[in-house]
């Protein structure tokens, strides 16, 4: 038994192996469920793997050709830049609106809070196909409610306006859908964090003369920063992998080449062009890009945990 500087016996910290043994099934499931697909993607990204390989012909080694095409192809570069901008804009809007809704839910009481929470849950539970179908109807060029409403307000130029035919208005509609479906998770998560803020602490700040803005930025935000960082990290990961919403909107007549994001570009390479090696290379690139974009938030979470 070890002793302290004063000669008193010091108990050594015993490490129990039971928690680690209990983690083995979960780690094994992750390795089987995620490890093999990632391994297959890495191997395929270095191969020329097309339609012939699907019917049994052995693939040929391509080296870094599939990766080189990502940066040499102007279309691929445009998709990458478009995806990054779209991801950051949507993640930022979602977190800001979600924070505002969470603060509003904390400020109201009674049936108003219940109605807001139920509305958030219903929006969150709506299937992607149903949500996109509703928004496609709202922004339909001939029968859409949005065009009709704008015309009633005097904007005659929106008579028969095709929102999905132009890239800028297309991504405006896509942003509305994604933010509308993502805000409930952020709002409810931040509201759960706000419930841990002590009301007595806020009351003491008001007595000391702090206004609403000072209370928000100097008391509430530092307390909910860990939750805020987590939801922002998750939102960046989710928005970078958006596929279904964009694909369903493209089916309504949008220009595919000008509205593709990384998920849709991978689908086009693999399913439309039968270039599975190139699709695998882009998939690995998306994985690395996700790590790069999320690294600052993970680092901040680790620092806060160590503190």
Protein backbone atom coordinates (compact mmCIF):
# COMPACT_ATOMS: atom_id res chain seq x y z
CA UNK A 1 0.00 0.00 0.00
CA UNK A 2 1.36 3.41 -0.95
CA UNK A 3 1.88 6.14 1.68
CA UNK A 4 1.54 9.90 1.55
CA UNK A 5 4.26 12.43 2.39
CA UNK A 6 3.07 12.43 6.03
CA UNK A 7 3.37 8.67 6.28
CA UNK A 8 -0.38 8.00 6.23
CA UNK A 9 -1.50 5.01 4.14
CA UNK A 10 -3.02 5.89 0.81
CA UNK A 11 -5.51 3.64 -0.87
CA UNK A 12 -4.70 2.86 -4.43
CA UNK A 13 -7.47 3.46 -6.90
CA UNK A 14 -8.82 0.14 -8.10
CA UNK A 15 -9.78 -0.13 -11.71
CA UNK A 16 -12.80 -2.27 -12.32
CA UNK A 17 -12.85 -4.17 -15.59
CA UNK A 18 -16.60 -4.77 -15.52
CA UNK A 19 -17.56 -1.48 -17.29
CA UNK A 20 -15.08 -2.25 -20.06
CA UNK A 21 -16.43 -5.77 -20.46
CA UNK A 22 -19.95 -4.40 -20.75
CA UNK A 23 -18.79 -2.10 -23.55
CA UNK A 24 -17.51 -4.99 -25.67
CA UNK A 25 -20.90 -5.91 -27.26
CA UNK A 26 -21.61 -2.28 -28.20
CA UNK A 27 -18.11 -1.76 -29.64
CA UNK A 28 -18.35 -5.04 -31.56
CA UNK A 29 -21.72 -4.03 -33.02
CA UNK A 30 -20.28 -0.67 -34.12
CA UNK A 31 -17.26 -2.34 -35.72
CA UNK A 32 -19.47 -4.80 -37.59
CA UNK A 33 -22.10 -2.26 -38.58
CA UNK A 34 -19.79 0.63 -39.47
CA UNK A 35 -16.32 -0.82 -39.80
CA UNK A 36 -16.93 -3.07 -42.81
CA UNK A 37 -18.85 -0.46 -44.88
CA UNK A 38 -16.12 2.11 -44.25
CA UNK A 39 -13.46 -0.47 -45.13
CA UNK A 40 -15.30 -1.34 -48.36
CA UNK A 41 -15.62 2.34 -49.25
CA UNK A 42 -11.90 2.96 -48.68
CA UNK A 43 -10.86 -0.05 -50.77
CA UNK A 44 -13.34 0.76 -53.57
CA UNK A 45 -12.21 4.39 -53.68
CA UNK A 46 -8.80 3.19 -54.92
CA UNK A 47 -10.31 0.99 -57.63
CA UNK A 48 -11.95 1.33 -61.00
CA UNK A 49 -15.29 -0.15 -60.03
CA UNK A 50 -18.12 0.16 -62.54
CA UNK A 51 -21.04 -1.77 -63.94
CA UNK A 52 -18.86 -4.66 -65.15
CA UNK A 53 -17.59 -5.25 -61.62
CA UNK A 54 -21.17 -5.58 -60.45
CA UNK A 55 -21.47 -8.65 -62.68
CA UNK A 56 -18.35 -10.36 -61.42
CA UNK A 57 -15.46 -8.82 -63.36
CA UNK A 58 -12.58 -8.09 -60.96
CA UNK A 59 -11.88 -4.39 -60.32
CA UNK A 60 -8.62 -2.77 -61.38
CA UNK A 61 -6.43 -0.64 -59.16
CA UNK A 62 -6.84 3.07 -59.90
CA UNK A 63 -4.63 4.60 -57.23
CA UNK A 64 -5.52 8.18 -56.44
CA UNK A 65 -7.27 8.82 -59.76
CA UNK A 66 -10.74 8.85 -58.20
CA UNK A 67 -9.61 11.40 -55.61
CA UNK A 68 -7.80 13.50 -58.19
CA UNK A 69 -10.98 13.83 -60.22
CA UNK A 70 -12.76 15.36 -57.23
CA UNK A 71 -10.44 18.37 -57.30
CA UNK A 72 -9.86 18.52 -61.06
CA UNK A 73 -13.53 18.32 -62.07
CA UNK A 74 -15.16 21.76 -61.96
CA UNK A 75 -18.55 20.18 -61.33
CA UNK A 76 -17.27 18.31 -58.27
CA UNK A 77 -15.56 21.42 -56.88
CA UNK A 78 -18.78 23.42 -57.31
CA UNK A 79 -20.75 20.70 -55.51
CA UNK A 80 -18.29 20.72 -52.59
CA UNK A 81 -18.38 24.51 -52.19
CA UNK A 82 -22.16 24.57 -52.58
CA UNK A 83 -22.56 21.84 -49.96
CA UNK A 84 -20.33 23.59 -47.42
CA UNK A 85 -22.14 26.92 -47.78
CA UNK A 86 -25.55 25.25 -47.67
CA UNK A 87 -24.55 23.23 -44.58
CA UNK A 88 -23.20 26.19 -42.60
CA UNK A 89 -26.11 28.48 -43.49
CA UNK A 90 -28.73 25.89 -42.57
CA UNK A 91 -26.98 24.84 -39.38
CA UNK A 92 -26.59 28.46 -38.26
CA UNK A 93 -30.22 29.35 -39.03
CA UNK A 94 -31.49 26.21 -37.33
CA UNK A 95 -29.56 26.83 -34.13
CA UNK A 96 -30.48 30.52 -33.98
CA UNK A 97 -34.19 29.88 -34.54
CA UNK A 98 -34.11 26.89 -32.20
CA UNK A 99 -32.51 29.00 -29.47
CA UNK A 100 -35.16 31.71 -29.92
CA UNK A 101 -37.96 29.13 -29.71
CA UNK A 102 -36.37 27.54 -26.62
CA UNK A 103 -36.15 30.91 -24.89
CA UNK A 104 -39.77 31.59 -25.81
CA UNK A 105 -40.87 28.23 -24.40
CA UNK A 106 -39.06 29.05 -21.18
CA UNK A 107 -40.76 32.45 -20.95
CA UNK A 108 -44.36 31.26 -21.51
CA UNK A 109 -46.36 29.10 -19.15
CA UNK A 110 -49.40 26.88 -19.00
CA UNK A 111 -51.24 25.77 -22.13
CA UNK A 112 -49.16 28.03 -24.39
CA UNK A 113 -46.00 26.08 -23.54
CA UNK A 114 -47.82 22.77 -24.04
CA UNK A 115 -49.11 23.86 -27.46
CA UNK A 116 -45.61 24.93 -28.53
CA UNK A 117 -44.05 21.65 -27.40
CA UNK A 118 -46.73 19.57 -29.14
CA UNK A 119 -46.25 21.62 -32.33
CA UNK A 120 -42.51 21.03 -32.15
CA UNK A 121 -42.99 17.29 -31.72
CA UNK A 122 -45.46 17.09 -34.62
CA UNK A 123 -43.12 18.96 -36.95
CA UNK A 124 -40.21 16.77 -35.88
CA UNK A 125 -42.24 13.57 -36.35
CA UNK A 126 -43.43 14.46 -39.86
CA UNK A 127 -41.89 12.09 -42.45
CA UNK A 128 -39.50 13.66 -44.93
CA UNK A 129 -41.59 12.69 -47.97
CA UNK A 130 -44.75 14.16 -46.45
CA UNK A 131 -43.00 17.41 -45.51
CA UNK A 132 -41.42 17.86 -48.94
CA UNK A 133 -44.74 17.07 -50.64
CA UNK A 134 -46.48 19.81 -48.67
CA UNK A 135 -43.77 22.37 -49.47
CA UNK A 136 -43.80 21.40 -53.14
CA UNK A 137 -47.52 22.10 -53.19
CA UNK A 138 -47.07 25.42 -51.37
CA UNK A 139 -44.48 26.59 -53.91
CA UNK A 140 -46.08 25.02 -56.99
CA UNK A 141 -45.91 27.35 -60.01
CA UNK A 142 -49.59 26.92 -61.01
CA UNK A 143 -51.52 25.98 -57.87
CA UNK A 144 -49.14 27.04 -55.09
CA UNK A 145 -50.43 29.02 -52.15
CA UNK A 146 -47.26 31.13 -51.93
CA UNK A 147 -47.58 32.47 -55.47
CA UNK A 148 -51.30 33.16 -54.98
CA UNK A 149 -50.63 35.02 -51.72
CA UNK A 150 -47.84 37.14 -53.24
CA UNK A 151 -50.05 38.05 -56.19
CA UNK A 152 -52.80 39.10 -53.79
CA UNK A 153 -50.31 41.40 -52.11
CA UNK A 154 -49.60 43.08 -55.42
CA UNK A 155 -46.51 41.20 -56.63
CA UNK A 156 -47.85 40.35 -60.08
CA UNK A 157 -44.47 39.02 -61.23
CA UNK A 158 -44.99 35.93 -59.07
CA UNK A 159 -47.94 34.80 -61.18
CA UNK A 160 -46.81 31.32 -62.29
CA UNK A 161 -43.34 31.80 -60.79
CA UNK A 162 -41.35 28.53 -60.81
CA UNK A 163 -39.49 28.50 -57.49
CA UNK A 164 -37.66 25.23 -58.16
CA UNK A 165 -36.46 26.13 -61.67
CA UNK A 166 -33.74 28.51 -60.46
CA UNK A 167 -30.89 27.40 -58.13
CA UNK A 168 -31.19 30.35 -55.72
CA UNK A 169 -34.93 30.02 -55.14
CA UNK A 170 -34.56 26.23 -55.14
CA UNK A 171 -32.17 26.37 -52.19
CA UNK A 172 -34.43 28.90 -50.49
CA UNK A 173 -37.24 26.34 -50.53
CA UNK A 174 -34.83 23.57 -49.48
CA UNK A 175 -33.62 25.69 -46.57
CA UNK A 176 -37.19 26.28 -45.42
CA UNK A 177 -37.86 22.54 -45.40
CA UNK A 178 -34.66 21.55 -43.63
CA UNK A 179 -34.82 24.31 -41.03
CA UNK A 180 -38.52 23.62 -40.39
CA UNK A 181 -37.79 19.92 -39.78
CA UNK A 182 -34.63 20.53 -37.71
CA UNK A 183 -35.68 23.38 -35.40
CA UNK A 184 -37.81 21.14 -33.11
CA UNK A 185 -34.84 18.97 -32.10
CA UNK A 186 -32.64 22.00 -31.43
CA UNK A 187 -35.40 23.89 -29.60
CA UNK A 188 -36.35 20.97 -27.36
CA UNK A 189 -32.71 20.15 -26.59
CA UNK A 190 -31.89 23.75 -25.70
CA UNK A 191 -35.12 24.05 -23.70
CA UNK A 192 -34.02 21.03 -21.65
CA UNK A 193 -30.72 22.82 -21.01
CA UNK A 194 -32.51 26.05 -20.09
CA UNK A 195 -34.56 24.24 -17.45
CA UNK A 196 -31.30 23.73 -15.54
CA UNK A 197 -30.72 27.47 -15.25
CA UNK A 198 -31.49 28.58 -11.70
CA UNK A 199 -34.29 31.15 -11.56
CA UNK A 200 -32.82 32.59 -8.34
CA UNK A 201 -29.59 33.34 -10.21
CA UNK A 202 -31.51 35.25 -12.89
CA UNK A 203 -33.52 37.12 -10.27
CA UNK A 204 -30.34 38.12 -8.47
CA UNK A 205 -28.93 39.46 -11.74
CA UNK A 206 -32.06 41.55 -12.31
CA UNK A 207 -31.84 42.96 -8.79
CA UNK A 208 -28.22 43.92 -9.51
CA UNK A 209 -29.42 45.93 -12.51
CA UNK A 210 -28.68 43.54 -15.39
CA UNK A 211 -30.94 43.96 -18.42
CA UNK A 212 -32.31 41.19 -20.60
CA UNK A 213 -29.44 41.24 -23.08
CA UNK A 214 -26.81 41.05 -20.34
CA UNK A 215 -28.64 38.16 -18.66
CA UNK A 216 -28.82 36.28 -21.96
CA UNK A 217 -25.18 36.67 -23.00
CA UNK A 218 -23.44 36.65 -19.63
CA UNK A 219 -25.50 34.15 -17.64
CA UNK A 220 -27.77 31.99 -19.80
CA UNK A 221 -25.46 31.44 -22.79
CA UNK A 222 -22.40 30.31 -20.75
CA UNK A 223 -24.62 27.84 -18.88
CA UNK A 224 -26.15 26.28 -22.01
CA UNK A 225 -22.99 26.48 -24.14
CA UNK A 226 -22.27 22.71 -23.89
CA UNK A 227 -25.75 21.84 -25.15
CA UNK A 228 -25.50 24.53 -27.82
CA UNK A 229 -22.17 23.15 -29.04
CA UNK A 230 -23.55 19.61 -29.23
CA UNK A 231 -26.67 20.53 -31.21
CA UNK A 232 -24.60 22.71 -33.55
CA UNK A 233 -22.18 19.84 -34.12
CA UNK A 234 -25.00 17.41 -34.86
CA UNK A 235 -26.72 19.91 -37.15
CA UNK A 236 -23.55 20.44 -39.19
CA UNK A 237 -23.15 16.67 -39.62
CA UNK A 238 -26.80 16.22 -40.63
CA UNK A 239 -26.93 19.19 -43.02
CA UNK A 240 -23.74 18.11 -44.76
CA UNK A 241 -25.36 14.74 -45.55
CA UNK A 242 -28.69 16.08 -46.80
CA UNK A 243 -30.03 13.93 -49.62
CA UNK A 244 -33.75 13.10 -49.55
CA UNK A 245 -35.07 16.68 -49.44
CA UNK A 246 -32.88 17.79 -52.35
CA UNK A 247 -33.65 14.70 -54.40
CA UNK A 248 -37.41 15.04 -53.94
CA UNK A 249 -37.29 18.72 -54.90
CA UNK A 250 -35.19 17.92 -57.96
CA UNK A 251 -37.87 15.48 -59.11
CA UNK A 252 -40.24 18.46 -59.37
CA UNK A 253 -38.28 19.86 -62.30
CA UNK A 254 -35.20 21.51 -60.82
CA UNK A 255 -31.89 21.69 -62.72
CA UNK A 256 -30.01 18.72 -61.27
CA UNK A 257 -26.49 19.79 -62.22
CA UNK A 258 -26.93 23.19 -60.55
CA UNK A 259 -28.63 21.95 -57.39
CA UNK A 260 -26.68 18.81 -56.53
CA UNK A 261 -25.17 18.56 -53.07
CA UNK A 262 -22.61 15.99 -51.99
CA UNK A 263 -25.15 13.30 -51.13
CA UNK A 264 -26.93 13.73 -54.45
CA UNK A 265 -23.63 13.88 -56.34
CA UNK A 266 -22.59 10.54 -54.80
CA UNK A 267 -25.94 9.05 -55.80
CA UNK A 268 -25.55 10.34 -59.36
CA UNK A 269 -22.02 8.96 -59.67
CA UNK A 270 -22.94 5.54 -58.35
CA UNK A 271 -26.45 4.92 -59.68
CA UNK A 272 -26.64 7.06 -62.83
CA UNK A 273 -23.06 6.83 -64.09
CA UNK A 274 -22.16 3.43 -62.55
CA UNK A 275 -18.92 4.95 -61.29
CA UNK A 276 -18.86 3.28 -57.88
CA UNK A 277 -15.15 3.94 -57.40
CA UNK A 278 -15.68 7.67 -57.84
CA UNK A 279 -18.75 7.58 -55.59
CA UNK A 280 -16.72 5.80 -52.90
CA UNK A 281 -13.96 8.42 -53.17
CA UNK A 282 -16.46 11.25 -52.74
CA UNK A 283 -17.98 9.40 -49.76
CA UNK A 284 -14.59 9.20 -48.04
CA UNK A 285 -14.05 12.87 -48.84
CA UNK A 286 -17.39 13.69 -47.19
CA UNK A 287 -16.30 11.72 -44.11
CA UNK A 288 -13.04 13.68 -43.90
CA UNK A 289 -14.85 16.97 -44.53
CA UNK A 290 -17.27 16.17 -41.71
CA UNK A 291 -14.34 15.57 -39.37
CA UNK A 292 -12.71 18.85 -40.38
CA UNK A 293 -15.90 20.90 -39.92
CA UNK A 294 -16.76 19.28 -36.60
CA UNK A 295 -13.22 19.28 -35.15
CA UNK A 296 -13.41 22.80 -33.59
CA UNK A 297 -16.65 21.97 -31.77
CA UNK A 298 -15.34 18.62 -30.55
CA UNK A 299 -12.19 20.35 -29.30
CA UNK A 300 -14.26 22.93 -27.42
CA UNK A 301 -16.37 20.19 -25.85
CA UNK A 302 -13.23 18.36 -24.70
CA UNK A 303 -11.80 21.56 -23.18
CA UNK A 304 -15.05 22.26 -21.31
CA UNK A 305 -15.14 18.67 -20.06
CA UNK A 306 -11.55 18.88 -18.81
CA UNK A 307 -12.28 22.19 -17.09
